[in-house]
Amino acid sequence: MKWIEISNERPKPQEQLLVLISNRVASVVKFNGFNFTDDGLDVDDVTHWCYLPEIPILKRELLREG
């Protein structure tokens, strides 16, 4: 997972992201192409962001499929 400063690069629109707010608080939000939002409300003071990692597949899910 690589943190990217918002001043260096913007994420792709409509992606769900992990962001740092004021360099202290982590939150999962979406980027609408202009603003970071959480349930439609703007999230201010985003300093860094990164894409969420893929969710691991649990062993019991593999057993059900097999």
PDB file of N, CA and C in Angstrom:
ATOM      1  N   MET A   1       0.846  -1.165   0.000  1.00  0.00           N
ATOM      2  CA  MET A   1       0.000   0.000   0.000  1.00  0.00           C
ATOM      3  C   MET A   1       0.893   1.231   0.000  1.00  0.00           C
ATOM      4  N   LYS A   2       0.667   2.115  -0.959  1.00  0.00           N
ATOM      5  CA  LYS A   2       1.510   3.298  -1.102  1.00  0.00           C
ATOM      6  C   LYS A   2       0.666   4.553  -0.878  1.00  0.00           C
ATOM      7  N   TRP A   3       1.038   5.380   0.105  1.00  0.00           N
ATOM      8  CA  TRP A   3       0.348   6.633   0.350  1.00  0.00           C
ATOM      9  C   TRP A   3       0.814   7.677  -0.660  1.00  0.00           C
ATOM     10  N   ILE A   4      -0.141   8.417  -1.216  1.00  0.00           N
ATOM     11  CA  ILE A   4       0.159   9.438  -2.220  1.00  0.00           C
ATOM     12  C   ILE A   4      -0.333  10.788  -1.686  1.00  0.00           C
ATOM     13  N   GLU A   5       0.524  11.786  -1.747  1.00  0.00           N
ATOM     14  CA  GLU A   5       0.122  13.126  -1.318  1.00  0.00           C
ATOM     15  C   GLU A   5      -0.880  13.694  -2.313  1.00  0.00           C
ATOM     16  N   ILE A   6      -1.949  14.298  -1.791  1.00  0.00           N
ATOM     17  CA  ILE A   6      -2.991  14.844  -2.651  1.00  0.00           C
ATOM     18  C   ILE A   6      -2.444  15.957  -3.550  1.00  0.00           C
ATOM     19  N   SER A   7      -1.409  16.650  -3.095  1.00  0.00           N
ATOM     20  CA  SER A   7      -0.827  17.718  -3.907  1.00  0.00           C
ATOM     21  C   SER A   7      -0.041  17.170  -5.092  1.00  0.00           C
ATOM     22  N   ASN A   8       0.347  15.877  -5.050  1.00  0.00           N
ATOM     23  CA  ASN A   8       1.124  15.269  -6.135  1.00  0.00           C
ATOM     24  C   ASN A   8       0.267  14.578  -7.185  1.00  0.00           C
ATOM     25  N   GLU A   9      -0.851  13.998  -6.762  1.00  0.00           N
ATOM     26  CA  GLU A   9      -1.660  13.198  -7.694  1.00  0.00           C
ATOM     27  C   GLU A   9      -3.070  13.029  -7.158  1.00  0.00           C
ATOM     28  N   ARG A  10      -4.039  13.037  -8.069  1.00  0.00           N
ATOM     29  CA  ARG A  10      -5.443  12.789  -7.712  1.00  0.00           C
ATOM     30  C   ARG A  10      -5.814  11.363  -8.115  1.00  0.00           C
ATOM     31  N   PRO A  11      -6.692  10.712  -7.355  1.00  0.00           N
ATOM     32  CA  PRO A  11      -7.120   9.354  -7.717  1.00  0.00           C
ATOM     33  C   PRO A  11      -8.123   9.369  -8.863  1.00  0.00           C
ATOM     34  N   LYS A  12      -8.409   8.184  -9.399  1.00  0.00           N
ATOM     35  CA  LYS A  12      -9.427   8.037 -10.435  1.00  0.00           C
ATOM     36  C   LYS A  12     -10.803   8.296  -9.817  1.00  0.00           C
ATOM     37  N   PRO A  13     -11.704   8.944 -10.565  1.00  0.00           N
ATOM     38  CA  PRO A  13     -13.058   9.173 -10.039  1.00  0.00           C
ATOM     39  C   PRO A  13     -13.794   7.862  -9.754  1.00  0.00           C
ATOM     40  N   GLN A  14     -14.658   7.916  -8.768  1.00  0.00           N
ATOM     41  CA  GLN A  14     -15.542   6.830  -8.344  1.00  0.00           C
ATOM     42  C   GLN A  14     -14.822   5.665  -7.684  1.00  0.00           C
ATOM     43  N   GLU A  15     -13.566   5.837  -7.359  1.00  0.00           N
ATOM     44  CA  GLU A  15     -12.829   4.789  -6.654  1.00  0.00           C
ATOM     45  C   GLU A  15     -13.052   4.926  -5.150  1.00  0.00           C
ATOM     46  N   GLN A  16     -13.137   3.804  -4.480  1.00  0.00           N
ATOM     47  CA  GLN A  16     -13.179   3.812  -3.027  1.00  0.00           C
ATOM     48  C   GLN A  16     -11.739   3.797  -2.544  1.00  0.00           C
ATOM     49  N   LEU A  17     -11.420   4.678  -1.602  1.00  0.00           N
ATOM     50  CA  LEU A  17     -10.040   4.911  -1.198  1.00  0.00           C
ATOM     51  C   LEU A  17      -9.903   4.964   0.312  1.00  0.00           C
ATOM     52  N   LEU A  18      -8.678   4.809   0.756  1.00  0.00           N
ATOM     53  CA  LEU A  18      -8.333   5.074   2.134  1.00  0.00           C
ATOM     54  C   LEU A  18      -7.622   6.419   2.135  1.00  0.00           C
ATOM     55  N   VAL A  19      -8.067   7.351   2.978  1.00  0.00           N
ATOM     56  CA  VAL A  19      -7.451   8.672   3.021  1.00  0.00           C
ATOM     57  C   VAL A  19      -6.988   9.006   4.430  1.00  0.00           C
ATOM     58  N   LEU A  20      -6.002   9.896   4.495  1.00  0.00           N
ATOM     59  CA  LEU A  20      -5.602  10.489   5.763  1.00  0.00           C
ATOM     60  C   LEU A  20      -6.166  11.899   5.805  1.00  0.00           C
ATOM     61  N   ILE A  21      -6.828  12.222   6.898  1.00  0.00           N
ATOM     62  CA  ILE A  21      -7.407  13.541   7.083  1.00  0.00           C
ATOM     63  C   ILE A  21      -6.539  14.279   8.090  1.00  0.00           C
ATOM     64  N   SER A  22      -6.032  15.432   7.686  1.00  0.00           N
ATOM     65  CA  SER A  22      -5.130  16.242   8.522  1.00  0.00           C
ATOM     66  C   SER A  22      -3.941  15.432   9.030  1.00  0.00           C
ATOM     67  N   ASN A  23      -3.468  14.478   8.218  1.00  0.00           N
ATOM     68  CA  ASN A  23      -2.306  13.634   8.557  1.00  0.00           C
ATOM     69  C   ASN A  23      -2.503  12.799   9.815  1.00  0.00           C
ATOM     70  N   ARG A  24      -3.762  12.617  10.278  1.00  0.00           N
ATOM     71  CA  ARG A  24      -3.975  11.912  11.540  1.00  0.00           C
ATOM     72  C   ARG A  24      -5.015  10.812  11.471  1.00  0.00           C
ATOM     73  N   VAL A  25      -6.131  11.069  10.825  1.00  0.00           N
ATOM     74  CA  VAL A  25      -7.278  10.170  10.884  1.00  0.00           C
ATOM     75  C   VAL A  25      -7.441   9.461   9.549  1.00  0.00           C
ATOM     76  N   ALA A  26      -7.542   8.145   9.575  1.00  0.00           N
ATOM     77  CA  ALA A  26      -7.759   7.376   8.359  1.00  0.00           C
ATOM     78  C   ALA A  26      -9.256   7.125   8.189  1.00  0.00           C
ATOM     79  N   SER A  27      -9.716   7.196   6.929  1.00  0.00           N
ATOM     80  CA  SER A  27     -11.130   6.974   6.644  1.00  0.00           C
ATOM     81  C   SER A  27     -11.269   6.414   5.233  1.00  0.00           C
ATOM     82  N   VAL A  28     -12.296   5.610   5.015  1.00  0.00           N
ATOM     83  CA  VAL A  28     -12.592   5.089   3.680  1.00  0.00           C
ATOM     84  C   VAL A  28     -13.637   6.009   3.049  1.00  0.00           C
ATOM     85  N   VAL A  29     -13.323   6.536   1.867  1.00  0.00           N
ATOM     86  CA  VAL A  29     -14.183   7.502   1.183  1.00  0.00           C
ATOM     87  C   VAL A  29     -14.203   7.200  -0.312  1.00  0.00           C
ATOM     88  N   LYS A  30     -14.989   7.957  -1.059  1.00  0.00           N
ATOM     89  CA  LYS A  30     -14.969   7.909  -2.524  1.00  0.00           C
ATOM     90  C   LYS A  30     -14.495   9.253  -3.050  1.00  0.00           C
ATOM     91  N   PHE A  31     -13.915   9.236  -4.243  1.00  0.00           N
ATOM     92  CA  PHE A  31     -13.503  10.467  -4.915  1.00  0.00           C
ATOM     93  C   PHE A  31     -14.419  10.639  -6.107  1.00  0.00           C
ATOM     94  N   ASN A  32     -15.126  11.771  -6.197  1.00  0.00           N
ATOM     95  CA  ASN A  32     -16.092  11.973  -7.272  1.00  0.00           C
ATOM     96  C   ASN A  32     -15.518  12.712  -8.471  1.00  0.00           C
ATOM     97  N   GLY A  33     -14.220  12.916  -8.487  1.00  0.00           N
ATOM     98  CA  GLY A  33     -13.574  13.650  -9.568  1.00  0.00           C
ATOM     99  C   GLY A  33     -13.208  15.063  -9.152  1.00  0.00           C
ATOM    100  N   PHE A  34     -13.861  15.542  -8.109  1.00  0.00           N
ATOM    101  CA  PHE A  34     -13.591  16.882  -7.587  1.00  0.00           C
ATOM    102  C   PHE A  34     -13.318  16.868  -6.088  1.00  0.00           C
ATOM    103  N   ASN A  35     -14.136  16.091  -5.349  1.00  0.00           N
ATOM    104  CA  ASN A  35     -14.055  16.061  -3.885  1.00  0.00           C
ATOM    105  C   ASN A  35     -14.039  14.623  -3.381  1.00  0.00           C
ATOM    106  N   PHE A  36     -13.525  14.468  -2.173  1.00  0.00           N
ATOM    107  CA  PHE A  36     -13.634  13.210  -1.461  1.00  0.00           C
ATOM    108  C   PHE A  36     -14.952  13.256  -0.703  1.00  0.00           C
ATOM    109  N   THR A  37     -15.720  12.164  -0.753  1.00  0.00           N
ATOM    110  CA  THR A  37     -17.028  12.160  -0.101  1.00  0.00           C
ATOM    111  C   THR A  37     -17.223  10.888   0.720  1.00  0.00           C
ATOM    112  N   ASP A  38     -18.049  11.017   1.739  1.00  0.00           N
ATOM    113  CA  ASP A  38     -18.448   9.900   2.585  1.00  0.00           C
ATOM    114  C   ASP A  38     -19.954   9.994   2.738  1.00  0.00           C
ATOM    115  N   ASP A  39     -20.683   9.053   2.158  1.00  0.00           N
ATOM    116  CA  ASP A  39     -22.151   9.074   2.146  1.00  0.00           C
ATOM    117  C   ASP A  39     -22.688  10.391   1.594  1.00  0.00           C
ATOM    118  N   GLY A  40     -22.038  10.918   0.555  1.00  0.00           N
ATOM    119  CA  GLY A  40     -22.490  12.129  -0.109  1.00  0.00           C
ATOM    120  C   GLY A  40     -22.016  13.423   0.516  1.00  0.00           C
ATOM    121  N   LEU A  41     -21.388  13.358   1.678  1.00  0.00           N
ATOM    122  CA  LEU A  41     -20.880  14.561   2.338  1.00  0.00           C
ATOM    123  C   LEU A  41     -19.403  14.746   2.016  1.00  0.00           C
ATOM    124  N   ASP A  42     -19.005  15.988   1.725  1.00  0.00           N
ATOM    125  CA  ASP A  42     -17.606  16.272   1.425  1.00  0.00           C
ATOM    126  C   ASP A  42     -16.718  16.011   2.632  1.00  0.00           C
ATOM    127  N   VAL A  43     -15.547  15.456   2.372  1.00  0.00           N
ATOM    128  CA  VAL A  43     -14.539  15.216   3.404  1.00  0.00           C
ATOM    129  C   VAL A  43     -13.410  16.213   3.141  1.00  0.00           C
ATOM    130  N   ASP A  44     -13.171  17.088   4.098  1.00  0.00           N
ATOM    131  CA  ASP A  44     -12.155  18.133   3.951  1.00  0.00           C
ATOM    132  C   ASP A  44     -10.840  17.723   4.577  1.00  0.00           C
ATOM    133  N   ASP A  45      -9.799  18.461   4.250  1.00  0.00           N
ATOM    134  CA  ASP A  45      -8.465  18.312   4.842  1.00  0.00           C
ATOM    135  C   ASP A  45      -7.802  16.968   4.552  1.00  0.00           C
ATOM    136  N   VAL A  46      -8.104  16.374   3.386  1.00  0.00           N
ATOM    137  CA  VAL A  46      -7.422  15.141   2.979  1.00  0.00           C
ATOM    138  C   VAL A  46      -6.000  15.501   2.577  1.00  0.00           C
ATOM    139  N   THR A  47      -5.031  14.829   3.181  1.00  0.00           N
ATOM    140  CA  THR A  47      -3.626  15.097   2.882  1.00  0.00           C
ATOM    141  C   THR A  47      -2.987  14.003   2.023  1.00  0.00           C
ATOM    142  N   HIS A  48      -3.419  12.750   2.212  1.00  0.00           N
ATOM    143  CA  HIS A  48      -2.856  11.600   1.497  1.00  0.00           C
ATOM    144  C   HIS A  48      -3.980  10.621   1.178  1.00  0.00           C
ATOM    145  N   TRP A  49      -3.749   9.800   0.164  1.00  0.00           N
ATOM    146  CA  TRP A  49      -4.723   8.765  -0.192  1.00  0.00           C
ATOM    147  C   TRP A  49      -3.994   7.548  -0.732  1.00  0.00           C
ATOM    148  N   CYS A  50      -4.695   6.419  -0.726  1.00  0.00           N
ATOM    149  CA  CYS A  50      -4.185   5.206  -1.372  1.00  0.00           C
ATOM    150  C   CYS A  50      -5.373   4.321  -1.745  1.00  0.00           C
ATOM    151  N   TYR A  51      -5.164   3.489  -2.767  1.00  0.00           N
ATOM    152  CA  TYR A  51      -6.208   2.543  -3.162  1.00  0.00           C
ATOM    153  C   TYR A  51      -6.307   1.454  -2.110  1.00  0.00           C
ATOM    154  N   LEU A  52      -7.500   0.939  -1.912  1.00  0.00           N
ATOM    155  CA  LEU A  52      -7.706  -0.148  -0.960  1.00  0.00           C
ATOM    156  C   LEU A  52      -7.099  -1.436  -1.515  1.00  0.00           C
ATOM    157  N   PRO A  53      -6.515  -2.242  -0.655  1.00  0.00           N
ATOM    158  CA  PRO A  53      -5.994  -3.534  -1.131  1.00  0.00           C
ATOM    159  C   PRO A  53      -7.152  -4.476  -1.446  1.00  0.00           C
ATOM    160  N   GLU A  54      -6.875  -5.489  -2.232  1.00  0.00           N
ATOM    161  CA  GLU A  54      -7.894  -6.499  -2.517  1.00  0.00           C
ATOM    162  C   GLU A  54      -8.208  -7.265  -1.248  1.00  0.00           C
ATOM    163  N   ILE A  55      -9.461  -7.668  -1.107  1.00  0.00           N
ATOM    164  CA  ILE A  55      -9.890  -8.427   0.054  1.00  0.00           C
ATOM    165  C   ILE A  55      -9.431  -9.874  -0.117  1.00  0.00           C
ATOM    166  N   PRO A  56      -8.806 -10.455   0.912  1.00  0.00           N
ATOM    167  CA  PRO A  56      -8.340 -11.839   0.788  1.00  0.00           C
ATOM    168  C   PRO A  56      -9.522 -12.810   0.768  1.00  0.00           C
ATOM    169  N   ILE A  57      -9.340 -13.919   0.101  1.00  0.00           N
ATOM    170  CA  ILE A  57     -10.355 -14.969   0.069  1.00  0.00           C
ATOM    171  C   ILE A  57     -10.135 -15.860   1.281  1.00  0.00           C
ATOM    172  N   LEU A  58     -11.183 -16.082   2.040  1.00  0.00           N
ATOM    173  CA  LEU A  58     -11.081 -16.933   3.222  1.00  0.00           C
ATOM    174  C   LEU A  58     -11.065 -18.397   2.821  1.00  0.00           C
ATOM    175  N   LYS A  59     -10.396 -19.226   3.593  1.00  0.00           N
ATOM    176  CA  LYS A  59     -10.290 -20.651   3.280  1.00  0.00           C
ATOM    177  C   LYS A  59     -11.654 -21.320   3.227  1.00  0.00           C
ATOM    178  N   ARG A  60     -12.565 -20.954   4.118  1.00  0.00           N
ATOM    179  CA  ARG A  60     -13.873 -21.609   4.114  1.00  0.00           C
ATOM    180  C   ARG A  60     -14.659 -21.284   2.842  1.00  0.00           C
ATOM    181  N   GLU A  61     -14.440 -20.086   2.265  1.00  0.00           N
ATOM    182  CA  GLU A  61     -15.079 -19.759   1.005  1.00  0.00           C
ATOM    183  C   GLU A  61     -14.534 -20.645  -0.121  1.00  0.00           C
ATOM    184  N   LEU A  62     -13.246 -20.949  -0.071  1.00  0.00           N
ATOM    185  CA  LEU A  62     -12.649 -21.832  -1.067  1.00  0.00           C
ATOM    186  C   LEU A  62     -13.222 -23.230  -0.957  1.00  0.00           C
ATOM    187  N   LEU A  63     -13.458 -23.689   0.271  1.00  0.00           N
ATOM    188  CA  LEU A  63     -14.005 -25.032   0.483  1.00  0.00           C
ATOM    189  C   LEU A  63     -15.432 -25.133  -0.075  1.00  0.00           C
ATOM    190  N   ARG A  64     -16.224 -24.069   0.081  1.00  0.00           N
ATOM    191  CA  ARG A  64     -17.593 -24.068  -0.447  1.00  0.00           C
ATOM    192  C   ARG A  64     -17.603 -24.142  -1.967  1.00  0.00           C
ATOM    193  N   GLU A  65     -16.661 -23.427  -2.598  1.00  0.00           N
ATOM    194  CA  GLU A  65     -16.611 -23.395  -4.059  1.00  0.00           C
ATOM    195  C   GLU A  65     -16.109 -24.724  -4.625  1.00  0.00           C
ATOM    196  N   GLY A  66     -15.247 -25.404  -3.909  1.00  0.00           N
ATOM    197  CA  GLY A  66     -14.598 -26.607  -4.412  1.00  0.00           C
ATOM    198  C   GLY A  66     -15.478 -27.778  -4.272  1.00  0.00           C
TER     199      GLY A  66
END
